[in-house]
Amino acid sequence: MKKAIISSRAPQPIGPYNQAILKGDTLYMSGQIAMHPDTNVLVLDNIQSETHQVMTNIKAVLEAAEMGMEHIVKTTIFLRTMEDFAAVNEIYATYFKNSVAPARETVAVVGLPKNVNIEISAIAVR
């Protein structure tokens, strides 16, 4: 049986999906963008602040599932441009210990929801 995970501390879905689905001990998280959950305003000052807000939203969804960043086993990072790769990598690295950082791929795409510059999805396991 699967269970929807919903956090009031992360942006609410903008379409027919859930923030995350828990199936057994595995959490499948929808892509998070840099929307501040209290104001529903996008944090687009720069790619660093945008990345921090995305990671904050990810942490909130994980906490709603009684997990933490250490439970993430895989992420997918979608960027509007690979020119942001180094800056995103620098911020992303502060959320994980290198020896147990999750597997991931990073891809550049033509467009993202609400014209953001970054979206990150994750899979976590208890």
PDB file of N, CA and C in Angstrom:
ATOM      1  N   MET A   1       0.838  -1.176   0.000  1.00  0.00           N
ATOM      2  CA  MET A   1       0.000   0.000   0.000  1.00  0.00           C
ATOM      3  C   MET A   1       0.885   1.242   0.000  1.00  0.00           C
ATOM      4  N   LYS A   2       0.508   2.234  -0.751  1.00  0.00           N
ATOM      5  CA  LYS A   2       1.273   3.474  -0.787  1.00  0.00           C
ATOM      6  C   LYS A   2       0.559   4.552   0.015  1.00  0.00           C
ATOM      7  N   LYS A   3       1.367   5.508   0.517  1.00  0.00           N
ATOM      8  CA  LYS A   3       0.836   6.577   1.354  1.00  0.00           C
ATOM      9  C   LYS A   3       1.363   7.910   0.845  1.00  0.00           C
ATOM     10  N   ALA A   4       0.479   8.879   0.696  1.00  0.00           N
ATOM     11  CA  ALA A   4       0.886  10.222   0.302  1.00  0.00           C
ATOM     12  C   ALA A   4       1.532  10.918   1.497  1.00  0.00           C
ATOM     13  N   ILE A   5       2.641  11.584   1.254  1.00  0.00           N
ATOM     14  CA  ILE A   5       3.321  12.376   2.276  1.00  0.00           C
ATOM     15  C   ILE A   5       3.123  13.843   1.923  1.00  0.00           C
ATOM     16  N   ILE A   6       2.604  14.590   2.894  1.00  0.00           N
ATOM     17  CA  ILE A   6       2.308  16.004   2.671  1.00  0.00           C
ATOM     18  C   ILE A   6       2.870  16.817   3.836  1.00  0.00           C
ATOM     19  N   SER A   7       3.650  17.831   3.506  1.00  0.00           N
ATOM     20  CA  SER A   7       4.203  18.726   4.515  1.00  0.00           C
ATOM     21  C   SER A   7       3.661  20.130   4.292  1.00  0.00           C
ATOM     22  N   SER A   8       3.216  20.749   5.364  1.00  0.00           N
ATOM     23  CA  SER A   8       2.779  22.144   5.265  1.00  0.00           C
ATOM     24  C   SER A   8       3.985  23.083   5.185  1.00  0.00           C
ATOM     25  N   ARG A   9       5.188  22.533   5.444  1.00  0.00           N
ATOM     26  CA  ARG A   9       6.412  23.324   5.418  1.00  0.00           C
ATOM     27  C   ARG A   9       7.114  23.267   4.060  1.00  0.00           C
ATOM     28  N   ALA A  10       6.422  22.707   3.066  1.00  0.00           N
ATOM     29  CA  ALA A  10       6.929  22.680   1.687  1.00  0.00           C
ATOM     30  C   ALA A  10       5.793  23.148   0.790  1.00  0.00           C
ATOM     31  N   PRO A  11       6.121  23.642  -0.399  1.00  0.00           N
ATOM     32  CA  PRO A  11       5.069  24.126  -1.288  1.00  0.00           C
ATOM     33  C   PRO A  11       4.056  23.032  -1.619  1.00  0.00           C
ATOM     34  N   GLN A  12       2.816  23.424  -1.685  1.00  0.00           N
ATOM     35  CA  GLN A  12       1.768  22.474  -2.046  1.00  0.00           C
ATOM     36  C   GLN A  12       1.835  22.212  -3.556  1.00  0.00           C
ATOM     37  N   PRO A  13       1.467  21.020  -3.977  1.00  0.00           N
ATOM     38  CA  PRO A  13       1.523  20.689  -5.404  1.00  0.00           C
ATOM     39  C   PRO A  13       0.723  21.670  -6.265  1.00  0.00           C
ATOM     40  N   ILE A  14       1.236  21.912  -7.464  1.00  0.00           N
ATOM     41  CA  ILE A  14       0.559  22.818  -8.383  1.00  0.00           C
ATOM     42  C   ILE A  14      -0.137  22.033  -9.500  1.00  0.00           C
ATOM     43  N   GLY A  15      -0.332  20.747  -9.268  1.00  0.00           N
ATOM     44  CA  GLY A  15      -0.981  19.888 -10.250  1.00  0.00           C
ATOM     45  C   GLY A  15      -1.473  18.614  -9.577  1.00  0.00           C
ATOM     46  N   PRO A  16      -1.877  17.630 -10.364  1.00  0.00           N
ATOM     47  CA  PRO A  16      -2.420  16.379  -9.821  1.00  0.00           C
ATOM     48  C   PRO A  16      -1.328  15.392  -9.390  1.00  0.00           C
ATOM     49  N   TYR A  17      -0.615  15.744  -8.333  1.00  0.00           N
ATOM     50  CA  TYR A  17       0.432  14.880  -7.786  1.00  0.00           C
ATOM     51  C   TYR A  17       0.598  15.198  -6.307  1.00  0.00           C
ATOM     52  N   ASN A  18       1.369  14.381  -5.603  1.00  0.00           N
ATOM     53  CA  ASN A  18       1.673  14.609  -4.190  1.00  0.00           C
ATOM     54  C   ASN A  18       3.125  15.024  -4.040  1.00  0.00           C
ATOM     55  N   GLN A  19       3.446  15.634  -2.900  1.00  0.00           N
ATOM     56  CA  GLN A  19       4.835  16.000  -2.632  1.00  0.00           C
ATOM     57  C   GLN A  19       5.715  14.758  -2.640  1.00  0.00           C
ATOM     58  N   ALA A  20       5.191  13.662  -2.093  1.00  0.00           N
ATOM     59  CA  ALA A  20       5.946  12.409  -2.073  1.00  0.00           C
ATOM     60  C   ALA A  20       4.985  11.251  -1.850  1.00  0.00           C
ATOM     61  N   ILE A  21       5.442  10.077  -2.231  1.00  0.00           N
ATOM     62  CA  ILE A  21       4.716   8.836  -1.986  1.00  0.00           C
ATOM     63  C   ILE A  21       5.646   7.894  -1.243  1.00  0.00           C
ATOM     64  N   LEU A  22       5.142   7.345  -0.141  1.00  0.00           N
ATOM     65  CA  LEU A  22       5.891   6.364   0.636  1.00  0.00           C
ATOM     66  C   LEU A  22       5.333   4.985   0.311  1.00  0.00           C
ATOM     67  N   LYS A  23       6.194   4.110  -0.152  1.00  0.00           N
ATOM     68  CA  LYS A  23       5.830   2.730  -0.450  1.00  0.00           C
ATOM     69  C   LYS A  23       6.818   1.849   0.307  1.00  0.00           C
ATOM     70  N   GLY A  24       6.318   1.164   1.334  1.00  0.00           N
ATOM     71  CA  GLY A  24       7.225   0.405   2.186  1.00  0.00           C
ATOM     72  C   GLY A  24       8.169   1.361   2.889  1.00  0.00           C
ATOM     73  N   ASP A  25       9.453   1.121   2.741  1.00  0.00           N
ATOM     74  CA  ASP A  25      10.468   1.986   3.351  1.00  0.00           C
ATOM     75  C   ASP A  25      11.071   2.976   2.357  1.00  0.00           C
ATOM     76  N   THR A  26      10.485   3.075   1.162  1.00  0.00           N
ATOM     77  CA  THR A  26      11.039   3.933   0.124  1.00  0.00           C
ATOM     78  C   THR A  26      10.125   5.127  -0.121  1.00  0.00           C
ATOM     79  N   LEU A  27      10.742   6.304  -0.137  1.00  0.00           N
ATOM     80  CA  LEU A  27      10.032   7.560  -0.381  1.00  0.00           C
ATOM     81  C   LEU A  27      10.409   8.067  -1.769  1.00  0.00           C
ATOM     82  N   TYR A  28       9.405   8.296  -2.592  1.00  0.00           N
ATOM     83  CA  TYR A  28       9.591   8.843  -3.937  1.00  0.00           C
ATOM     84  C   TYR A  28       9.096  10.283  -3.906  1.00  0.00           C
ATOM     85  N   MET A  29      10.038  11.220  -3.997  1.00  0.00           N
ATOM     86  CA  MET A  29       9.694  12.628  -3.853  1.00  0.00           C
ATOM     87  C   MET A  29       9.549  13.296  -5.209  1.00  0.00           C
ATOM     88  N   SER A  30       8.460  14.038  -5.371  1.00  0.00           N
ATOM     89  CA  SER A  30       8.266  14.835  -6.573  1.00  0.00           C
ATOM     90  C   SER A  30       9.313  15.939  -6.613  1.00  0.00           C
ATOM     91  N   GLY A  31       9.541  16.474  -7.794  1.00  0.00           N
ATOM     92  CA  GLY A  31      10.494  17.561  -7.935  1.00  0.00           C
ATOM     93  C   GLY A  31      10.092  18.769  -7.105  1.00  0.00           C
ATOM     94  N   GLN A  32      11.072  19.341  -6.442  1.00  0.00           N
ATOM     95  CA  GLN A  32      10.850  20.541  -5.636  1.00  0.00           C
ATOM     96  C   GLN A  32      11.469  21.735  -6.351  1.00  0.00           C
ATOM     97  N   ILE A  33      10.735  22.832  -6.343  1.00  0.00           N
ATOM     98  CA  ILE A  33      11.246  24.082  -6.890  1.00  0.00           C
ATOM     99  C   ILE A  33      11.400  25.074  -5.738  1.00  0.00           C
ATOM    100  N   ALA A  34      11.920  26.237  -6.032  1.00  0.00           N
ATOM    101  CA  ALA A  34      12.254  27.217  -4.993  1.00  0.00           C
ATOM    102  C   ALA A  34      11.078  28.101  -4.616  1.00  0.00           C
ATOM    103  N   MET A  35       9.960  27.493  -4.317  1.00  0.00           N
ATOM    104  CA  MET A  35       8.801  28.261  -3.859  1.00  0.00           C
ATOM    105  C   MET A  35       8.801  28.251  -2.334  1.00  0.00           C
ATOM    106  N   HIS A  36       8.698  29.434  -1.740  1.00  0.00           N
ATOM    107  CA  HIS A  36       8.653  29.522  -0.284  1.00  0.00           C
ATOM    108  C   HIS A  36       7.266  29.078   0.169  1.00  0.00           C
ATOM    109  N   PRO A  37       7.170  28.078   1.057  1.00  0.00           N
ATOM    110  CA  PRO A  37       5.867  27.524   1.427  1.00  0.00           C
ATOM    111  C   PRO A  37       4.954  28.492   2.185  1.00  0.00           C
ATOM    112  N   ASP A  38       5.504  29.475   2.873  1.00  0.00           N
ATOM    113  CA  ASP A  38       4.683  30.405   3.646  1.00  0.00           C
ATOM    114  C   ASP A  38       4.035  31.482   2.777  1.00  0.00           C
ATOM    115  N   THR A  39       4.728  31.838   1.692  1.00  0.00           N
ATOM    116  CA  THR A  39       4.255  32.952   0.872  1.00  0.00           C
ATOM    117  C   THR A  39       3.831  32.533  -0.539  1.00  0.00           C
ATOM    118  N   ASN A  40       4.210  31.322  -0.934  1.00  0.00           N
ATOM    119  CA  ASN A  40       4.003  30.849  -2.316  1.00  0.00           C
ATOM    120  C   ASN A  40       4.693  31.747  -3.337  1.00  0.00           C
ATOM    121  N   VAL A  41       5.745  32.428  -2.893  1.00  0.00           N
ATOM    122  CA  VAL A  41       6.536  33.278  -3.771  1.00  0.00           C
ATOM    123  C   VAL A  41       7.820  32.524  -4.119  1.00  0.00           C
ATOM    124  N   LEU A  42       8.210  32.582  -5.383  1.00  0.00           N
ATOM    125  CA  LEU A  42       9.443  31.937  -5.812  1.00  0.00           C
ATOM    126  C   LEU A  42      10.661  32.714  -5.308  1.00  0.00           C
ATOM    127  N   VAL A  43      11.667  31.988  -4.851  1.00  0.00           N
ATOM    128  CA  VAL A  43      12.933  32.574  -4.410  1.00  0.00           C
ATOM    129  C   VAL A  43      13.875  32.512  -5.605  1.00  0.00           C
ATOM    130  N   LEU A  44      13.983  33.615  -6.324  1.00  0.00           N
ATOM    131  CA  LEU A  44      14.750  33.644  -7.569  1.00  0.00           C
ATOM    132  C   LEU A  44      15.859  34.697  -7.563  1.00  0.00           C
ATOM    133  N   ASP A  45      16.317  35.096  -6.379  1.00  0.00           N
ATOM    134  CA  ASP A  45      17.341  36.138  -6.274  1.00  0.00           C
ATOM    135  C   ASP A  45      18.591  35.775  -7.067  1.00  0.00           C
ATOM    136  N   ASN A  46      19.048  34.525  -6.891  1.00  0.00           N
ATOM    137  CA  ASN A  46      20.204  33.998  -7.609  1.00  0.00           C
ATOM    138  C   ASN A  46      20.147  32.476  -7.496  1.00  0.00           C
ATOM    139  N   ILE A  47      20.986  31.783  -8.229  1.00  0.00           N
ATOM    140  CA  ILE A  47      20.912  30.319  -8.246  1.00  0.00           C
ATOM    141  C   ILE A  47      21.270  29.724  -6.875  1.00  0.00           C
ATOM    142  N   GLN A  48      22.095  30.413  -6.091  1.00  0.00           N
ATOM    143  CA  GLN A  48      22.441  29.912  -4.765  1.00  0.00           C
ATOM    144  C   GLN A  48      21.230  29.928  -3.838  1.00  0.00           C
ATOM    145  N   SER A  49      20.527  31.060  -3.770  1.00  0.00           N
ATOM    146  CA  SER A  49      19.353  31.139  -2.897  1.00  0.00           C
ATOM    147  C   SER A  49      18.240  30.229  -3.406  1.00  0.00           C
ATOM    148  N   GLU A  50      18.136  30.099  -4.707  1.00  0.00           N
ATOM    149  CA  GLU A  50      17.134  29.213  -5.290  1.00  0.00           C
ATOM    150  C   GLU A  50      17.422  27.759  -4.890  1.00  0.00           C
ATOM    151  N   THR A  51      18.688  27.372  -4.961  1.00  0.00           N
ATOM    152  CA  THR A  51      19.079  26.006  -4.587  1.00  0.00           C
ATOM    153  C   THR A  51      18.846  25.760  -3.099  1.00  0.00           C
ATOM    154  N   HIS A  52      19.193  26.719  -2.263  1.00  0.00           N
ATOM    155  CA  HIS A  52      18.941  26.568  -0.818  1.00  0.00           C
ATOM    156  C   HIS A  52      17.452  26.358  -0.542  1.00  0.00           C
ATOM    157  N   GLN A  53      16.574  27.119  -1.212  1.00  0.00           N
ATOM    158  CA  GLN A  53      15.142  26.961  -0.971  1.00  0.00           C
ATOM    159  C   GLN A  53      14.660  25.590  -1.428  1.00  0.00           C
ATOM    160  N   VAL A  54      15.157  25.112  -2.555  1.00  0.00           N
ATOM    161  CA  VAL A  54      14.802  23.766  -3.020  1.00  0.00           C
ATOM    162  C   VAL A  54      15.212  22.732  -1.977  1.00  0.00           C
ATOM    163  N   MET A  55      16.421  22.836  -1.466  1.00  0.00           N
ATOM    164  CA  MET A  55      16.908  21.862  -0.478  1.00  0.00           C
ATOM    165  C   MET A  55      16.125  21.969   0.829  1.00  0.00           C
ATOM    166  N   THR A  56      15.736  23.167   1.220  1.00  0.00           N
ATOM    167  CA  THR A  56      14.902  23.356   2.412  1.00  0.00           C
ATOM    168  C   THR A  56      13.550  22.673   2.226  1.00  0.00           C
ATOM    169  N   ASN A  57      12.984  22.790   1.038  1.00  0.00           N
ATOM    170  CA  ASN A  57      11.711  22.135   0.749  1.00  0.00           C
ATOM    171  C   ASN A  57      11.855  20.611   0.779  1.00  0.00           C
ATOM    172  N   ILE A  58      12.952  20.123   0.246  1.00  0.00           N
ATOM    173  CA  ILE A  58      13.214  18.671   0.285  1.00  0.00           C
ATOM    174  C   ILE A  58      13.294  18.190   1.725  1.00  0.00           C
ATOM    175  N   LYS A  59      14.027  18.919   2.559  1.00  0.00           N
ATOM    176  CA  LYS A  59      14.141  18.538   3.973  1.00  0.00           C
ATOM    177  C   LYS A  59      12.781  18.505   4.654  1.00  0.00           C
ATOM    178  N   ALA A  60      11.914  19.442   4.343  1.00  0.00           N
ATOM    179  CA  ALA A  60      10.584  19.490   4.963  1.00  0.00           C
ATOM    180  C   ALA A  60       9.755  18.269   4.587  1.00  0.00           C
ATOM    181  N   VAL A  61       9.811  17.863   3.335  1.00  0.00           N
ATOM    182  CA  VAL A  61       9.067  16.676   2.908  1.00  0.00           C
ATOM    183  C   VAL A  61       9.653  15.424   3.566  1.00  0.00           C
ATOM    184  N   LEU A  62      10.968  15.343   3.622  1.00  0.00           N
ATOM    185  CA  LEU A  62      11.610  14.205   4.296  1.00  0.00           C
ATOM    186  C   LEU A  62      11.171  14.116   5.757  1.00  0.00           C
ATOM    187  N   GLU A  63      11.160  15.245   6.442  1.00  0.00           N
ATOM    188  CA  GLU A  63      10.762  15.263   7.850  1.00  0.00           C
ATOM    189  C   GLU A  63       9.317  14.827   8.028  1.00  0.00           C
ATOM    190  N   ALA A  64       8.448  15.167   7.088  1.00  0.00           N
ATOM    191  CA  ALA A  64       7.048  14.730   7.154  1.00  0.00           C
ATOM    192  C   ALA A  64       6.945  13.205   7.038  1.00  0.00           C
ATOM    193  N   ALA A  65       7.955  12.605   6.405  1.00  0.00           N
ATOM    194  CA  ALA A  65       8.009  11.147   6.276  1.00  0.00           C
ATOM    195  C   ALA A  65       8.879  10.525   7.372  1.00  0.00           C
ATOM    196  N   GLU A  66       9.261  11.338   8.370  1.00  0.00           N
ATOM    197  CA  GLU A  66      10.126  10.904   9.465  1.00  0.00           C
ATOM    198  C   GLU A  66      11.472  10.383   8.950  1.00  0.00           C
ATOM    199  N   MET A  67      12.043  11.143   8.022  1.00  0.00           N
ATOM    200  CA  MET A  67      13.359  10.851   7.452  1.00  0.00           C
ATOM    201  C   MET A  67      14.194  12.121   7.457  1.00  0.00           C
ATOM    202  N   GLY A  68      15.448  11.968   7.097  1.00  0.00           N
ATOM    203  CA  GLY A  68      16.354  13.103   6.995  1.00  0.00           C
ATOM    204  C   GLY A  68      17.171  13.014   5.715  1.00  0.00           C
ATOM    205  N   MET A  69      18.023  13.986   5.503  1.00  0.00           N
ATOM    206  CA  MET A  69      18.844  14.024   4.291  1.00  0.00           C
ATOM    207  C   MET A  69      19.700  12.768   4.142  1.00  0.00           C
ATOM    208  N   GLU A  70      20.079  12.164   5.252  1.00  0.00           N
ATOM    209  CA  GLU A  70      20.910  10.958   5.198  1.00  0.00           C
ATOM    210  C   GLU A  70      20.175   9.763   4.593  1.00  0.00           C
ATOM    211  N   HIS A  71      18.867   9.846   4.466  1.00  0.00           N
ATOM    212  CA  HIS A  71      18.081   8.751   3.888  1.00  0.00           C
ATOM    213  C   HIS A  71      18.005   8.826   2.358  1.00  0.00           C
ATOM    214  N   ILE A  72      18.405   9.959   1.785  1.00  0.00           N
ATOM    215  CA  ILE A  72      18.333  10.095   0.329  1.00  0.00           C
ATOM    216  C   ILE A  72      19.385   9.209  -0.316  1.00  0.00           C
ATOM    217  N   VAL A  73      18.933   8.392  -1.272  1.00  0.00           N
ATOM    218  CA  VAL A  73      19.852   7.510  -1.996  1.00  0.00           C
ATOM    219  C   VAL A  73      20.058   7.958  -3.444  1.00  0.00           C
ATOM    220  N   LYS A  74      19.156   8.806  -3.957  1.00  0.00           N
ATOM    221  CA  LYS A  74      19.238   9.212  -5.366  1.00  0.00           C
ATOM    222  C   LYS A  74      18.547  10.550  -5.557  1.00  0.00           C
ATOM    223  N   THR A  75      19.177  11.439  -6.296  1.00  0.00           N
ATOM    224  CA  THR A  75      18.529  12.696  -6.680  1.00  0.00           C
ATOM    225  C   THR A  75      18.661  12.894  -8.185  1.00  0.00           C
ATOM    226  N   THR A  76      17.761  13.674  -8.700  1.00  0.00           N
ATOM    227  CA  THR A  76      17.853  14.138 -10.080  1.00  0.00           C
ATOM    228  C   THR A  76      17.736  15.651 -10.038  1.00  0.00           C
ATOM    229  N   ILE A  77      18.731  16.314 -10.624  1.00  0.00           N
ATOM    230  CA  ILE A  77      18.741  17.774 -10.665  1.00  0.00           C
ATOM    231  C   ILE A  77      18.473  18.205 -12.108  1.00  0.00           C
ATOM    232  N   PHE A  78      17.465  19.048 -12.249  1.00  0.00           N
ATOM    233  CA  PHE A  78      17.131  19.622 -13.552  1.00  0.00           C
ATOM    234  C   PHE A  78      17.535  21.095 -13.512  1.00  0.00           C
ATOM    235  N   LEU A  79      18.355  21.516 -14.452  1.00  0.00           N
ATOM    236  CA  LEU A  79      18.814  22.905 -14.533  1.00  0.00           C
ATOM    237  C   LEU A  79      18.366  23.523 -15.843  1.00  0.00           C
ATOM    238  N   ARG A  80      18.059  24.791 -15.789  1.00  0.00           N
ATOM    239  CA  ARG A  80      17.732  25.510 -17.024  1.00  0.00           C
ATOM    240  C   ARG A  80      18.979  25.641 -17.883  1.00  0.00           C
ATOM    241  N   THR A  81      20.146  25.806 -17.232  1.00  0.00           N
ATOM    242  CA  THR A  81      21.405  25.929 -17.963  1.00  0.00           C
ATOM    243  C   THR A  81      22.534  25.266 -17.170  1.00  0.00           C
ATOM    244  N   MET A  82      23.404  24.598 -17.868  1.00  0.00           N
ATOM    245  CA  MET A  82      24.563  23.974 -17.223  1.00  0.00           C
ATOM    246  C   MET A  82      25.561  25.013 -16.719  1.00  0.00           C
ATOM    247  N   GLU A  83      25.384  26.252 -17.097  1.00  0.00           N
ATOM    248  CA  GLU A  83      26.244  27.315 -16.571  1.00  0.00           C
ATOM    249  C   GLU A  83      26.079  27.456 -15.056  1.00  0.00           C
ATOM    250  N   ASP A  84      24.961  26.979 -14.507  1.00  0.00           N
ATOM    251  CA  ASP A  84      24.716  27.039 -13.059  1.00  0.00           C
ATOM    252  C   ASP A  84      25.263  25.820 -12.312  1.00  0.00           C
ATOM    253  N   PHE A  85      25.815  24.852 -13.030  1.00  0.00           N
ATOM    254  CA  PHE A  85      26.230  23.586 -12.425  1.00  0.00           C
ATOM    255  C   PHE A  85      27.177  23.772 -11.241  1.00  0.00           C
ATOM    256  N   ALA A  86      28.231  24.532 -11.400  1.00  0.00           N
ATOM    257  CA  ALA A  86      29.224  24.703 -10.333  1.00  0.00           C
ATOM    258  C   ALA A  86      28.614  25.358  -9.096  1.00  0.00           C
ATOM    259  N   ALA A  87      27.819  26.389  -9.283  1.00  0.00           N
ATOM    260  CA  ALA A  87      27.197  27.089  -8.149  1.00  0.00           C
ATOM    261  C   ALA A  87      26.205  26.178  -7.433  1.00  0.00           C
ATOM    262  N   VAL A  88      25.415  25.431  -8.177  1.00  0.00           N
ATOM    263  CA  VAL A  88      24.461  24.490  -7.579  1.00  0.00           C
ATOM    264  C   VAL A  88      25.218  23.413  -6.820  1.00  0.00           C
ATOM    265  N   ASN A  89      26.265  22.892  -7.424  1.00  0.00           N
ATOM    266  CA  ASN A  89      27.062  21.835  -6.796  1.00  0.00           C
ATOM    267  C   ASN A  89      27.630  22.294  -5.452  1.00  0.00           C
ATOM    268  N   GLU A  90      28.083  23.527  -5.406  1.00  0.00           N
ATOM    269  CA  GLU A  90      28.652  24.080  -4.171  1.00  0.00           C
ATOM    270  C   GLU A  90      27.607  24.108  -3.047  1.00  0.00           C
ATOM    271  N   ILE A  91      26.402  24.556  -3.345  1.00  0.00           N
ATOM    272  CA  ILE A  91      25.329  24.610  -2.342  1.00  0.00           C
ATOM    273  C   ILE A  91      24.861  23.199  -2.002  1.00  0.00           C
ATOM    274  N   TYR A  92      24.619  22.392  -3.005  1.00  0.00           N
ATOM    275  CA  TYR A  92      24.145  21.009  -2.833  1.00  0.00           C
ATOM    276  C   TYR A  92      25.076  20.238  -1.892  1.00  0.00           C
ATOM    277  N   ALA A  93      26.375  20.405  -2.066  1.00  0.00           N
ATOM    278  CA  ALA A  93      27.368  19.678  -1.271  1.00  0.00           C
ATOM    279  C   ALA A  93      27.252  19.975   0.221  1.00  0.00           C
ATOM    280  N   THR A  94      26.755  21.133   0.591  1.00  0.00           N
ATOM    281  CA  THR A  94      26.652  21.473   2.015  1.00  0.00           C
ATOM    282  C   THR A  94      25.557  20.677   2.715  1.00  0.00           C
ATOM    283  N   TYR A  95      24.692  20.026   1.972  1.00  0.00           N
ATOM    284  CA  TYR A  95      23.590  19.261   2.552  1.00  0.00           C
ATOM    285  C   TYR A  95      23.908  17.774   2.730  1.00  0.00           C
ATOM    286  N   PHE A  96      25.066  17.333   2.231  1.00  0.00           N
ATOM    287  CA  PHE A  96      25.431  15.918   2.310  1.00  0.00           C
ATOM    288  C   PHE A  96      26.884  15.756   2.723  1.00  0.00           C
ATOM    289  N   LYS A  97      27.151  14.661   3.438  1.00  0.00           N
ATOM    290  CA  LYS A  97      28.528  14.270   3.710  1.00  0.00           C
ATOM    291  C   LYS A  97      29.009  13.515   2.478  1.00  0.00           C
ATOM    292  N   ASN A  98      30.168  13.904   1.935  1.00  0.00           N
ATOM    293  CA  ASN A  98      30.635  13.326   0.672  1.00  0.00           C
ATOM    294  C   ASN A  98      30.704  11.810   0.674  1.00  0.00           C
ATOM    295  N   SER A  99      31.064  11.205   1.795  1.00  0.00           N
ATOM    296  CA  SER A  99      31.210   9.750   1.823  1.00  0.00           C
ATOM    297  C   SER A  99      29.877   9.028   1.669  1.00  0.00           C
ATOM    298  N   VAL A 100      28.777   9.704   1.956  1.00  0.00           N
ATOM    299  CA  VAL A 100      27.464   9.080   1.817  1.00  0.00           C
ATOM    300  C   VAL A 100      26.508   9.935   0.973  1.00  0.00           C
ATOM    301  N   ALA A 101      27.071  10.784   0.145  1.00  0.00           N
ATOM    302  CA  ALA A 101      26.227  11.588  -0.743  1.00  0.00           C
ATOM    303  C   ALA A 101      25.459  10.646  -1.665  1.00  0.00           C
ATOM    304  N   PRO A 102      24.231  11.013  -2.017  1.00  0.00           N
ATOM    305  CA  PRO A 102      23.433  10.124  -2.864  1.00  0.00           C
ATOM    306  C   PRO A 102      23.958  10.052  -4.294  1.00  0.00           C
ATOM    307  N   ALA A 103      23.549   9.007  -4.986  1.00  0.00           N
ATOM    308  CA  ALA A 103      23.770   8.955  -6.428  1.00  0.00           C
ATOM    309  C   ALA A 103      22.919  10.063  -7.049  1.00  0.00           C
ATOM    310  N   ARG A 104      23.315  10.540  -8.235  1.00  0.00           N
ATOM    311  CA  ARG A 104      22.503  11.582  -8.865  1.00  0.00           C
ATOM    312  C   ARG A 104      22.872  11.731 -10.322  1.00  0.00           C
ATOM    313  N   GLU A 105      21.981  12.388 -11.033  1.00  0.00           N
ATOM    314  CA  GLU A 105      22.310  12.898 -12.354  1.00  0.00           C
ATOM    315  C   GLU A 105      21.843  14.341 -12.397  1.00  0.00           C
ATOM    316  N   THR A 106      22.498  15.100 -13.252  1.00  0.00           N
ATOM    317  CA  THR A 106      22.136  16.501 -13.444  1.00  0.00           C
ATOM    318  C   THR A 106      21.981  16.717 -14.937  1.00  0.00           C
ATOM    319  N   VAL A 107      20.835  17.253 -15.313  1.00  0.00           N
ATOM    320  CA  VAL A 107      20.566  17.470 -16.731  1.00  0.00           C
ATOM    321  C   VAL A 107      20.068  18.889 -16.961  1.00  0.00           C
ATOM    322  N   ALA A 108      20.389  19.422 -18.118  1.00  0.00           N
ATOM    323  CA  ALA A 108      19.856  20.727 -18.520  1.00  0.00           C
ATOM    324  C   ALA A 108      18.615  20.472 -19.365  1.00  0.00           C
ATOM    325  N   VAL A 109      17.595  21.267 -19.123  1.00  0.00           N
ATOM    326  CA  VAL A 109      16.321  21.114 -19.827  1.00  0.00           C
ATOM    327  C   VAL A 109      15.895  22.459 -20.416  1.00  0.00           C
ATOM    328  N   VAL A 110      15.005  22.398 -21.355  1.00  0.00           N
ATOM    329  CA  VAL A 110      14.544  23.612 -22.031  1.00  0.00           C
ATOM    330  C   VAL A 110      13.708  24.489 -21.115  1.00  0.00           C
ATOM    331  N   GLY A 111      12.863  23.885 -20.283  1.00  0.00           N
ATOM    332  CA  GLY A 111      12.014  24.678 -19.406  1.00  0.00           C
ATOM    333  C   GLY A 111      11.624  23.902 -18.170  1.00  0.00           C
ATOM    334  N   LEU A 112      11.330  24.628 -17.099  1.00  0.00           N
ATOM    335  CA  LEU A 112      10.906  24.039 -15.830  1.00  0.00           C
ATOM    336  C   LEU A 112       9.631  24.735 -15.369  1.00  0.00           C
ATOM    337  N   PRO A 113       8.886  24.111 -14.447  1.00  0.00           N
ATOM    338  CA  PRO A 113       7.646  24.729 -13.962  1.00  0.00           C
ATOM    339  C   PRO A 113       7.885  26.148 -13.451  1.00  0.00           C
ATOM    340  N   LYS A 114       6.975  27.036 -13.780  1.00  0.00           N
ATOM    341  CA  LYS A 114       7.013  28.439 -13.334  1.00  0.00           C
ATOM    342  C   LYS A 114       8.294  29.151 -13.745  1.00  0.00           C
ATOM    343  N   ASN A 115       8.972  28.628 -14.762  1.00  0.00           N
ATOM    344  CA  ASN A 115      10.205  29.217 -15.297  1.00  0.00           C
ATOM    345  C   ASN A 115      11.326  29.336 -14.274  1.00  0.00           C
ATOM    346  N   VAL A 116      11.388  28.389 -13.337  1.00  0.00           N
ATOM    347  CA  VAL A 116      12.474  28.383 -12.360  1.00  0.00           C
ATOM    348  C   VAL A 116      13.760  27.927 -13.036  1.00  0.00           C
ATOM    349  N   ASN A 117      14.863  28.043 -12.319  1.00  0.00           N
ATOM    350  CA  ASN A 117      16.170  27.665 -12.853  1.00  0.00           C
ATOM    351  C   ASN A 117      16.624  26.284 -12.415  1.00  0.00           C
ATOM    352  N   ILE A 118      15.959  25.726 -11.376  1.00  0.00           N
ATOM    353  CA  ILE A 118      16.366  24.437 -10.836  1.00  0.00           C
ATOM    354  C   ILE A 118      15.158  23.713 -10.258  1.00  0.00           C
ATOM    355  N   GLU A 119      15.155  22.400 -10.411  1.00  0.00           N
ATOM    356  CA  GLU A 119      14.185  21.513  -9.776  1.00  0.00           C
ATOM    357  C   GLU A 119      14.953  20.262  -9.381  1.00  0.00           C
ATOM    358  N   ILE A 120      14.660  19.743  -8.184  1.00  0.00           N
ATOM    359  CA  ILE A 120      15.331  18.525  -7.711  1.00  0.00           C
ATOM    360  C   ILE A 120      14.290  17.545  -7.206  1.00  0.00           C
ATOM    361  N   SER A 121      14.395  16.294  -7.669  1.00  0.00           N
ATOM    362  CA  SER A 121      13.580  15.214  -7.128  1.00  0.00           C
ATOM    363  C   SER A 121      14.503  14.256  -6.389  1.00  0.00           C
ATOM    364  N   ALA A 122      13.919  13.411  -5.530  1.00  0.00           N
ATOM    365  CA  ALA A 122      14.738  12.534  -4.715  1.00  0.00           C
ATOM    366  C   ALA A 122      14.017  11.224  -4.403  1.00  0.00           C
ATOM    367  N   ILE A 123      14.836  10.217  -4.130  1.00  0.00           N
ATOM    368  CA  ILE A 123      14.350   8.940  -3.611  1.00  0.00           C
ATOM    369  C   ILE A 123      15.102   8.715  -2.312  1.00  0.00           C
ATOM    370  N   ALA A 124      14.359   8.363  -1.257  1.00  0.00           N
ATOM    371  CA  ALA A 124      14.965   8.119   0.054  1.00  0.00           C
ATOM    372  C   ALA A 124      14.495   6.764   0.575  1.00  0.00           C
ATOM    373  N   VAL A 125      15.356   6.127   1.371  1.00  0.00           N
ATOM    374  CA  VAL A 125      15.049   4.819   1.937  1.00  0.00           C
ATOM    375  C   VAL A 125      15.388   4.836   3.418  1.00  0.00           C
ATOM    376  N   ARG A 126      14.467   4.302   4.223  1.00  0.00           N
ATOM    377  CA  ARG A 126      14.723   4.190   5.680  1.00  0.00           C
ATOM    378  C   ARG A 126      15.776   3.136   5.949  1.00  0.00           C
TER     379      ARG A 126
END
